[in-house]
Amino acid sequence: MAYVTQVTRRYITETNSPEHAHWNTLYEIGDTVPVSGIYRCQGCGDEITSNAGQPFPPQNRHQHADSSVAVLWQLIVRTKTS
């Protein structure tokens, strides 16, 4: 879970456009990151930060103890980077 404080919450803006595919798509290992942000693994809840255009972490960087649990990343916070 991403955390903010009362001071830093002013930098978080809720969007009214959840229909964009990058919010609803689950990304696999090696897929290209569509937008920069914080992504959450649906299998274990770990979070990563990733930059647009880069690949999601390879299997040897993020593994589950139970290999039957898929590593699927979902965007939870989009970041504005240049």
PDB file of N, CA and C in Angstrom:
ATOM      1  N   MET A   1       0.845  -1.171   0.000  1.00  0.00           N
ATOM      2  CA  MET A   1       0.000   0.000   0.000  1.00  0.00           C
ATOM      3  C   MET A   1       0.891   1.235   0.000  1.00  0.00           C
ATOM      4  N   ALA A   2       0.565   2.179  -0.841  1.00  0.00           N
ATOM      5  CA  ALA A   2       1.298   3.442  -0.874  1.00  0.00           C
ATOM      6  C   ALA A   2       0.817   4.308   0.292  1.00  0.00           C
ATOM      7  N   TYR A   3       1.738   4.999   0.928  1.00  0.00           N
ATOM      8  CA  TYR A   3       1.404   5.833   2.078  1.00  0.00           C
ATOM      9  C   TYR A   3       1.718   7.295   1.792  1.00  0.00           C
ATOM     10  N   VAL A   4       0.934   8.180   2.382  1.00  0.00           N
ATOM     11  CA  VAL A   4       1.190   9.620   2.334  1.00  0.00           C
ATOM     12  C   VAL A   4       0.956  10.179   3.729  1.00  0.00           C
ATOM     13  N   THR A   5       1.514  11.350   3.987  1.00  0.00           N
ATOM     14  CA  THR A   5       1.269  12.036   5.249  1.00  0.00           C
ATOM     15  C   THR A   5       0.308  13.194   5.000  1.00  0.00           C
ATOM     16  N   GLN A   6      -0.137  13.850   6.054  1.00  0.00           N
ATOM     17  CA  GLN A   6      -1.004  15.016   5.882  1.00  0.00           C
ATOM     18  C   GLN A   6      -0.287  16.091   5.073  1.00  0.00           C
ATOM     19  N   VAL A   7       1.020  16.193   5.239  1.00  0.00           N
ATOM     20  CA  VAL A   7       1.790  17.193   4.508  1.00  0.00           C
ATOM     21  C   VAL A   7       1.937  16.811   3.032  1.00  0.00           C
ATOM     22  N   THR A   8       2.212  15.529   2.754  1.00  0.00           N
ATOM     23  CA  THR A   8       2.471  15.120   1.373  1.00  0.00           C
ATOM     24  C   THR A   8       1.214  14.767   0.582  1.00  0.00           C
ATOM     25  N   ARG A   9       0.080  14.606   1.228  1.00  0.00           N
ATOM     26  CA  ARG A   9      -1.146  14.251   0.508  1.00  0.00           C
ATOM     27  C   ARG A   9      -1.569  15.323  -0.478  1.00  0.00           C
ATOM     28  N   ARG A  10      -1.093  16.542  -0.296  1.00  0.00           N
ATOM     29  CA  ARG A  10      -1.452  17.616  -1.222  1.00  0.00           C
ATOM     30  C   ARG A  10      -0.879  17.377  -2.626  1.00  0.00           C
ATOM     31  N   TYR A  11       0.082  16.469  -2.737  1.00  0.00           N
ATOM     32  CA  TYR A  11       0.680  16.159  -4.028  1.00  0.00           C
ATOM     33  C   TYR A  11      -0.011  14.998  -4.740  1.00  0.00           C
ATOM     34  N   ILE A  12      -1.057  14.460  -4.143  1.00  0.00           N
ATOM     35  CA  ILE A  12      -1.814  13.352  -4.724  1.00  0.00           C
ATOM     36  C   ILE A  12      -3.156  13.895  -5.210  1.00  0.00           C
ATOM     37  N   THR A  13      -3.477  13.616  -6.451  1.00  0.00           N
ATOM     38  CA  THR A  13      -4.739  14.064  -7.030  1.00  0.00           C
ATOM     39  C   THR A  13      -5.504  12.853  -7.543  1.00  0.00           C
ATOM     40  N   GLU A  14      -6.743  12.727  -7.129  1.00  0.00           N
ATOM     41  CA  GLU A  14      -7.575  11.633  -7.626  1.00  0.00           C
ATOM     42  C   GLU A  14      -8.022  11.946  -9.045  1.00  0.00           C
ATOM     43  N   THR A  15      -7.984  10.938  -9.889  1.00  0.00           N
ATOM     44  CA  THR A  15      -8.388  11.140 -11.280  1.00  0.00           C
ATOM     45  C   THR A  15      -9.814  10.664 -11.496  1.00  0.00           C
ATOM     46  N   ASN A  16     -10.481  11.275 -12.420  1.00  0.00           N
ATOM     47  CA  ASN A  16     -11.829  10.855 -12.784  1.00  0.00           C
ATOM     48  C   ASN A  16     -11.822  10.118 -14.112  1.00  0.00           C
ATOM     49  N   SER A  17     -10.656   9.618 -14.490  1.00  0.00           N
ATOM     50  CA  SER A  17     -10.556   8.920 -15.770  1.00  0.00           C
ATOM     51  C   SER A  17     -10.037   7.493 -15.605  1.00  0.00           C
ATOM     52  N   PRO A  18     -10.715   6.677 -14.772  1.00  0.00           N
ATOM     53  CA  PRO A  18     -10.248   5.301 -14.570  1.00  0.00           C
ATOM     54  C   PRO A  18     -10.458   4.407 -15.779  1.00  0.00           C
ATOM     55  N   GLU A  19     -11.123   4.925 -16.815  1.00  0.00           N
ATOM     56  CA  GLU A  19     -11.364   4.104 -17.997  1.00  0.00           C
ATOM     57  C   GLU A  19     -10.117   3.924 -18.848  1.00  0.00           C
ATOM     58  N   HIS A  20      -9.079   4.717 -18.620  1.00  0.00           N
ATOM     59  CA  HIS A  20      -7.846   4.544 -19.387  1.00  0.00           C
ATOM     60  C   HIS A  20      -7.290   3.142 -19.138  1.00  0.00           C
ATOM     61  N   ALA A  21      -6.874   2.502 -20.196  1.00  0.00           N
ATOM     62  CA  ALA A  21      -6.433   1.106 -20.128  1.00  0.00           C
ATOM     63  C   ALA A  21      -5.320   0.887 -19.108  1.00  0.00           C
ATOM     64  N   HIS A  22      -4.424   1.868 -18.935  1.00  0.00           N
ATOM     65  CA  HIS A  22      -3.298   1.629 -18.025  1.00  0.00           C
ATOM     66  C   HIS A  22      -3.746   1.446 -16.565  1.00  0.00           C
ATOM     67  N   TRP A  23      -4.922   1.883 -16.194  1.00  0.00           N
ATOM     68  CA  TRP A  23      -5.428   1.670 -14.831  1.00  0.00           C
ATOM     69  C   TRP A  23      -6.001   0.271 -14.663  1.00  0.00           C
ATOM     70  N   ASN A  24      -6.521  -0.303 -15.727  1.00  0.00           N
ATOM     71  CA  ASN A  24      -7.259  -1.564 -15.636  1.00  0.00           C
ATOM     72  C   ASN A  24      -6.523  -2.772 -16.188  1.00  0.00           C
ATOM     73  N   THR A  25      -5.333  -2.573 -16.705  1.00  0.00           N
ATOM     74  CA  THR A  25      -4.575  -3.669 -17.306  1.00  0.00           C
ATOM     75  C   THR A  25      -3.599  -4.265 -16.297  1.00  0.00           C
ATOM     76  N   LEU A  26      -3.474  -5.582 -16.309  1.00  0.00           N
ATOM     77  CA  LEU A  26      -2.462  -6.263 -15.499  1.00  0.00           C
ATOM     78  C   LEU A  26      -1.291  -6.579 -16.420  1.00  0.00           C
ATOM     79  N   TYR A  27      -0.095  -6.190 -15.992  1.00  0.00           N
ATOM     80  CA  TYR A  27       1.104  -6.330 -16.820  1.00  0.00           C
ATOM     81  C   TYR A  27       1.971  -7.474 -16.315  1.00  0.00           C
ATOM     82  N   GLU A  28       2.561  -8.187 -17.249  1.00  0.00           N
ATOM     83  CA  GLU A  28       3.398  -9.333 -16.920  1.00  0.00           C
ATOM     84  C   GLU A  28       4.871  -8.948 -16.877  1.00  0.00           C
ATOM     85  N   ILE A  29       5.676  -9.859 -16.347  1.00  0.00           N
ATOM     86  CA  ILE A  29       7.122  -9.697 -16.317  1.00  0.00           C
ATOM     87  C   ILE A  29       7.615  -9.408 -17.732  1.00  0.00           C
ATOM     88  N   GLY A  30       8.452  -8.385 -17.872  1.00  0.00           N
ATOM     89  CA  GLY A  30       9.041  -8.061 -19.162  1.00  0.00           C
ATOM     90  C   GLY A  30       8.197  -7.169 -20.050  1.00  0.00           C
ATOM     91  N   ASP A  31       6.894  -6.992 -19.726  1.00  0.00           N
ATOM     92  CA  ASP A  31       6.077  -6.056 -20.502  1.00  0.00           C
ATOM     93  C   ASP A  31       6.676  -4.658 -20.386  1.00  0.00           C
ATOM     94  N   THR A  32       6.391  -3.821 -21.340  1.00  0.00           N
ATOM     95  CA  THR A  32       6.860  -2.438 -21.301  1.00  0.00           C
ATOM     96  C   THR A  32       5.932  -1.607 -20.421  1.00  0.00           C
ATOM     97  N   VAL A  33       6.514  -0.850 -19.514  1.00  0.00           N
ATOM     98  CA  VAL A  33       5.742   0.007 -18.612  1.00  0.00           C
ATOM     99  C   VAL A  33       5.069   1.105 -19.447  1.00  0.00           C
ATOM    100  N   PRO A  34       3.723   1.215 -19.396  1.00  0.00           N
ATOM    101  CA  PRO A  34       3.026   2.188 -20.234  1.00  0.00           C
ATOM    102  C   PRO A  34       3.117   3.623 -19.724  1.00  0.00           C
ATOM    103  N   VAL A  35       3.031   3.800 -18.416  1.00  0.00           N
ATOM    104  CA  VAL A  35       3.132   5.125 -17.803  1.00  0.00           C
ATOM    105  C   VAL A  35       3.935   4.994 -16.514  1.00  0.00           C
ATOM    106  N   SER A  36       4.700   6.018 -16.173  1.00  0.00           N
ATOM    107  CA  SER A  36       5.499   5.986 -14.950  1.00  0.00           C
ATOM    108  C   SER A  36       4.583   5.978 -13.732  1.00  0.00           C
ATOM    109  N   GLY A  37       4.993   5.238 -12.709  1.00  0.00           N
ATOM    110  CA  GLY A  37       4.185   5.214 -11.500  1.00  0.00           C
ATOM    111  C   GLY A  37       4.573   4.126 -10.532  1.00  0.00           C
ATOM    112  N   ILE A  38       3.686   3.914  -9.580  1.00  0.00           N
ATOM    113  CA  ILE A  38       3.825   2.854  -8.585  1.00  0.00           C
ATOM    114  C   ILE A  38       2.891   1.732  -9.014  1.00  0.00           C
ATOM    115  N   TYR A  39       3.446   0.536  -9.099  1.00  0.00           N
ATOM    116  CA  TYR A  39       2.688  -0.642  -9.514  1.00  0.00           C
ATOM    117  C   TYR A  39       2.666  -1.645  -8.373  1.00  0.00           C
ATOM    118  N   ARG A  40       1.539  -2.347  -8.216  1.00  0.00           N
ATOM    119  CA  ARG A  40       1.359  -3.338  -7.156  1.00  0.00           C
ATOM    120  C   ARG A  40       1.249  -4.721  -7.773  1.00  0.00           C
ATOM    121  N   CYS A  41       1.990  -5.674  -7.214  1.00  0.00           N
ATOM    122  CA  CYS A  41       1.908  -7.060  -7.653  1.00  0.00           C
ATOM    123  C   CYS A  41       0.600  -7.654  -7.131  1.00  0.00           C
ATOM    124  N   GLN A  42      -0.221  -8.163  -8.024  1.00  0.00           N
ATOM    125  CA  GLN A  42      -1.509  -8.736  -7.637  1.00  0.00           C
ATOM    126  C   GLN A  42      -1.348 -10.048  -6.877  1.00  0.00           C
ATOM    127  N   GLY A  43      -0.197 -10.695  -7.030  1.00  0.00           N
ATOM    128  CA  GLY A  43       0.026 -11.971  -6.366  1.00  0.00           C
ATOM    129  C   GLY A  43       0.435 -11.860  -4.908  1.00  0.00           C
ATOM    130  N   CYS A  44       1.233 -10.812  -4.571  1.00  0.00           N
ATOM    131  CA  CYS A  44       1.768 -10.732  -3.208  1.00  0.00           C
ATOM    132  C   CYS A  44       1.594  -9.367  -2.542  1.00  0.00           C
ATOM    133  N   GLY A  45       1.241  -8.347  -3.326  1.00  0.00           N
ATOM    134  CA  GLY A  45       1.028  -7.021  -2.745  1.00  0.00           C
ATOM    135  C   GLY A  45       2.254  -6.134  -2.706  1.00  0.00           C
ATOM    136  N   ASP A  46       3.412  -6.650  -3.117  1.00  0.00           N
ATOM    137  CA  ASP A  46       4.607  -5.806  -3.165  1.00  0.00           C
ATOM    138  C   ASP A  46       4.401  -4.687  -4.180  1.00  0.00           C
ATOM    139  N   GLU A  47       5.089  -3.583  -3.966  1.00  0.00           N
ATOM    140  CA  GLU A  47       4.994  -2.449  -4.875  1.00  0.00           C
ATOM    141  C   GLU A  47       6.365  -2.102  -5.437  1.00  0.00           C
ATOM    142  N   ILE A  48       6.345  -1.570  -6.659  1.00  0.00           N
ATOM    143  CA  ILE A  48       7.568  -1.116  -7.307  1.00  0.00           C
ATOM    144  C   ILE A  48       7.292   0.229  -7.961  1.00  0.00           C
ATOM    145  N   THR A  49       8.337   0.979  -8.196  1.00  0.00           N
ATOM    146  CA  THR A  49       8.208   2.171  -9.030  1.00  0.00           C
ATOM    147  C   THR A  49       8.835   1.837 -10.366  1.00  0.00           C
ATOM    148  N   SER A  50       8.173   2.252 -11.422  1.00  0.00           N
ATOM    149  CA  SER A  50       8.659   1.950 -12.762  1.00  0.00           C
ATOM    150  C   SER A  50       8.477   3.159 -13.659  1.00  0.00           C
ATOM    151  N   ASN A  51       9.396   3.319 -14.598  1.00  0.00           N
ATOM    152  CA  ASN A  51       9.351   4.431 -15.537  1.00  0.00           C
ATOM    153  C   ASN A  51       8.820   3.984 -16.888  1.00  0.00           C
ATOM    154  N   ALA A  52       8.025   4.838 -17.515  1.00  0.00           N
ATOM    155  CA  ALA A  52       7.451   4.550 -18.826  1.00  0.00           C
ATOM    156  C   ALA A  52       8.548   4.169 -19.811  1.00  0.00           C
ATOM    157  N   GLY A  53       8.252   3.164 -20.618  1.00  0.00           N
ATOM    158  CA  GLY A  53       9.189   2.724 -21.644  1.00  0.00           C
ATOM    159  C   GLY A  53      10.174   1.666 -21.197  1.00  0.00           C
ATOM    160  N   GLN A  54      10.299   1.455 -19.885  1.00  0.00           N
ATOM    161  CA  GLN A  54      11.206   0.433 -19.361  1.00  0.00           C
ATOM    162  C   GLN A  54      10.437  -0.881 -19.185  1.00  0.00           C
ATOM    163  N   PRO A  55      11.128  -2.015 -19.134  1.00  0.00           N
ATOM    164  CA  PRO A  55      10.420  -3.278 -18.898  1.00  0.00           C
ATOM    165  C   PRO A  55      10.118  -3.453 -17.410  1.00  0.00           C
ATOM    166  N   PHE A  56       9.037  -4.193 -17.117  1.00  0.00           N
ATOM    167  CA  PHE A  56       8.767  -4.569 -15.731  1.00  0.00           C
ATOM    168  C   PHE A  56       9.870  -5.527 -15.287  1.00  0.00           C
ATOM    169  N   PRO A  57      10.133  -5.618 -13.972  1.00  0.00           N
ATOM    170  CA  PRO A  57      11.246  -6.431 -13.484  1.00  0.00           C
ATOM    171  C   PRO A  57      11.206  -7.874 -13.992  1.00  0.00           C
ATOM    172  N   PRO A  58      12.382  -8.436 -14.294  1.00  0.00           N
ATOM    173  CA  PRO A  58      12.444  -9.833 -14.742  1.00  0.00           C
ATOM    174  C   PRO A  58      12.149 -10.788 -13.581  1.00  0.00           C
ATOM    175  N   GLN A  59      11.903 -12.040 -13.928  1.00  0.00           N
ATOM    176  CA  GLN A  59      11.540 -13.063 -12.946  1.00  0.00           C
ATOM    177  C   GLN A  59      12.551 -13.165 -11.807  1.00  0.00           C
ATOM    178  N   ASN A  60      13.851 -13.001 -12.104  1.00  0.00           N
ATOM    179  CA  ASN A  60      14.853 -13.153 -11.046  1.00  0.00           C
ATOM    180  C   ASN A  60      14.880 -11.963 -10.077  1.00  0.00           C
ATOM    181  N   ARG A  61      14.164 -10.890 -10.376  1.00  0.00           N
ATOM    182  CA  ARG A  61      14.105  -9.728  -9.487  1.00  0.00           C
ATOM    183  C   ARG A  61      12.860  -9.735  -8.607  1.00  0.00           C
ATOM    184  N   HIS A  62      11.815 -10.461  -9.022  1.00  0.00           N
ATOM    185  CA  HIS A  62      10.580 -10.537  -8.235  1.00  0.00           C
ATOM    186  C   HIS A  62      10.002 -11.938  -8.379  1.00  0.00           C
ATOM    187  N   GLN A  63      10.039 -12.694  -7.281  1.00  0.00           N
ATOM    188  CA  GLN A  63       9.551 -14.063  -7.304  1.00  0.00           C
ATOM    189  C   GLN A  63       8.627 -14.297  -6.120  1.00  0.00           C
ATOM    190  N   HIS A  64       7.749 -15.265  -6.273  1.00  0.00           N
ATOM    191  CA  HIS A  64       6.871 -15.687  -5.184  1.00  0.00           C
ATOM    192  C   HIS A  64       7.330 -17.048  -4.678  1.00  0.00           C
ATOM    193  N   ALA A  65       7.160 -17.273  -3.377  1.00  0.00           N
ATOM    194  CA  ALA A  65       7.511 -18.570  -2.802  1.00  0.00           C
ATOM    195  C   ALA A  65       6.701 -19.682  -3.470  1.00  0.00           C
ATOM    196  N   ASP A  66       5.449 -19.387  -3.761  1.00  0.00           N
ATOM    197  CA  ASP A  66       4.576 -20.325  -4.469  1.00  0.00           C
ATOM    198  C   ASP A  66       4.633 -19.971  -5.954  1.00  0.00           C
ATOM    199  N   SER A  67       5.318 -20.770  -6.730  1.00  0.00           N
ATOM    200  CA  SER A  67       5.528 -20.454  -8.145  1.00  0.00           C
ATOM    201  C   SER A  67       4.240 -20.506  -8.973  1.00  0.00           C
ATOM    202  N   SER A  68       3.160 -21.015  -8.392  1.00  0.00           N
ATOM    203  CA  SER A  68       1.892 -21.045  -9.129  1.00  0.00           C
ATOM    204  C   SER A  68       1.176 -19.688  -9.077  1.00  0.00           C
ATOM    205  N   VAL A  69       1.671 -18.779  -8.220  1.00  0.00           N
ATOM    206  CA  VAL A  69       1.085 -17.452  -8.117  1.00  0.00           C
ATOM    207  C   VAL A  69       1.743 -16.548  -9.153  1.00  0.00           C
ATOM    208  N   ALA A  70       0.942 -16.026 -10.056  1.00  0.00           N
ATOM    209  CA  ALA A  70       1.466 -15.204 -11.144  1.00  0.00           C
ATOM    210  C   ALA A  70       1.941 -13.841 -10.649  1.00  0.00           C
ATOM    211  N   VAL A  71       2.962 -13.317 -11.308  1.00  0.00           N
ATOM    212  CA  VAL A  71       3.427 -11.956 -11.068  1.00  0.00           C
ATOM    213  C   VAL A  71       2.725 -11.071 -12.097  1.00  0.00           C
ATOM    214  N   LEU A  72       1.772 -10.283 -11.629  1.00  0.00           N
ATOM    215  CA  LEU A  72       1.007  -9.378 -12.481  1.00  0.00           C
ATOM    216  C   LEU A  72       0.985  -8.004 -11.824  1.00  0.00           C
ATOM    217  N   TRP A  73       1.410  -6.988 -12.559  1.00  0.00           N
ATOM    218  CA  TRP A  73       1.528  -5.641 -12.022  1.00  0.00           C
ATOM    219  C   TRP A  73       0.333  -4.779 -12.421  1.00  0.00           C
ATOM    220  N   GLN A  74      -0.206  -3.998 -11.454  1.00  0.00           N
ATOM    221  CA  GLN A  74      -1.297  -3.061 -11.724  1.00  0.00           C
ATOM    222  C   GLN A  74      -0.891  -1.681 -11.253  1.00  0.00           C
ATOM    223  N   LEU A  75      -1.144  -0.691 -12.082  1.00  0.00           N
ATOM    224  CA  LEU A  75      -0.861   0.700 -11.736  1.00  0.00           C
ATOM    225  C   LEU A  75      -1.753   1.129 -10.581  1.00  0.00           C
ATOM    226  N   ILE A  76      -1.154   1.680  -9.511  1.00  0.00           N
ATOM    227  CA  ILE A  76      -1.954   2.194  -8.399  1.00  0.00           C
ATOM    228  C   ILE A  76      -1.764   3.695  -8.203  1.00  0.00           C
ATOM    229  N   VAL A  77      -0.606   4.231  -8.610  1.00  0.00           N
ATOM    230  CA  VAL A  77      -0.353   5.668  -8.539  1.00  0.00           C
ATOM    231  C   VAL A  77       0.427   6.064  -9.786  1.00  0.00           C
ATOM    232  N   ARG A  78      -0.142   6.928 -10.576  1.00  0.00           N
ATOM    233  CA  ARG A  78       0.586   7.426 -11.755  1.00  0.00           C
ATOM    234  C   ARG A  78       1.429   8.610 -11.338  1.00  0.00           C
ATOM    235  N   THR A  79       2.665   8.679 -11.826  1.00  0.00           N
ATOM    236  CA  THR A  79       3.551   9.775 -11.479  1.00  0.00           C
ATOM    237  C   THR A  79       3.828  10.623 -12.702  1.00  0.00           C
ATOM    238  N   LYS A  80       4.089  11.882 -12.460  1.00  0.00           N
ATOM    239  CA  LYS A  80       4.404  12.812 -13.538  1.00  0.00           C
ATOM    240  C   LYS A  80       5.918  12.956 -13.595  1.00  0.00           C
ATOM    241  N   THR A  81       6.503  12.412 -14.654  1.00  0.00           N
ATOM    242  CA  THR A  81       7.947  12.485 -14.816  1.00  0.00           C
ATOM    243  C   THR A  81       8.252  13.105 -16.170  1.00  0.00           C
ATOM    244  N   SER A  82       9.453  13.651 -16.277  1.00  0.00           N
ATOM    245  CA  SER A  82       9.824  14.253 -17.571  1.00  0.00           C
ATOM    246  C   SER A  82      11.091  13.627 -18.099  1.00  0.00           C
TER     247      SER A  82
END
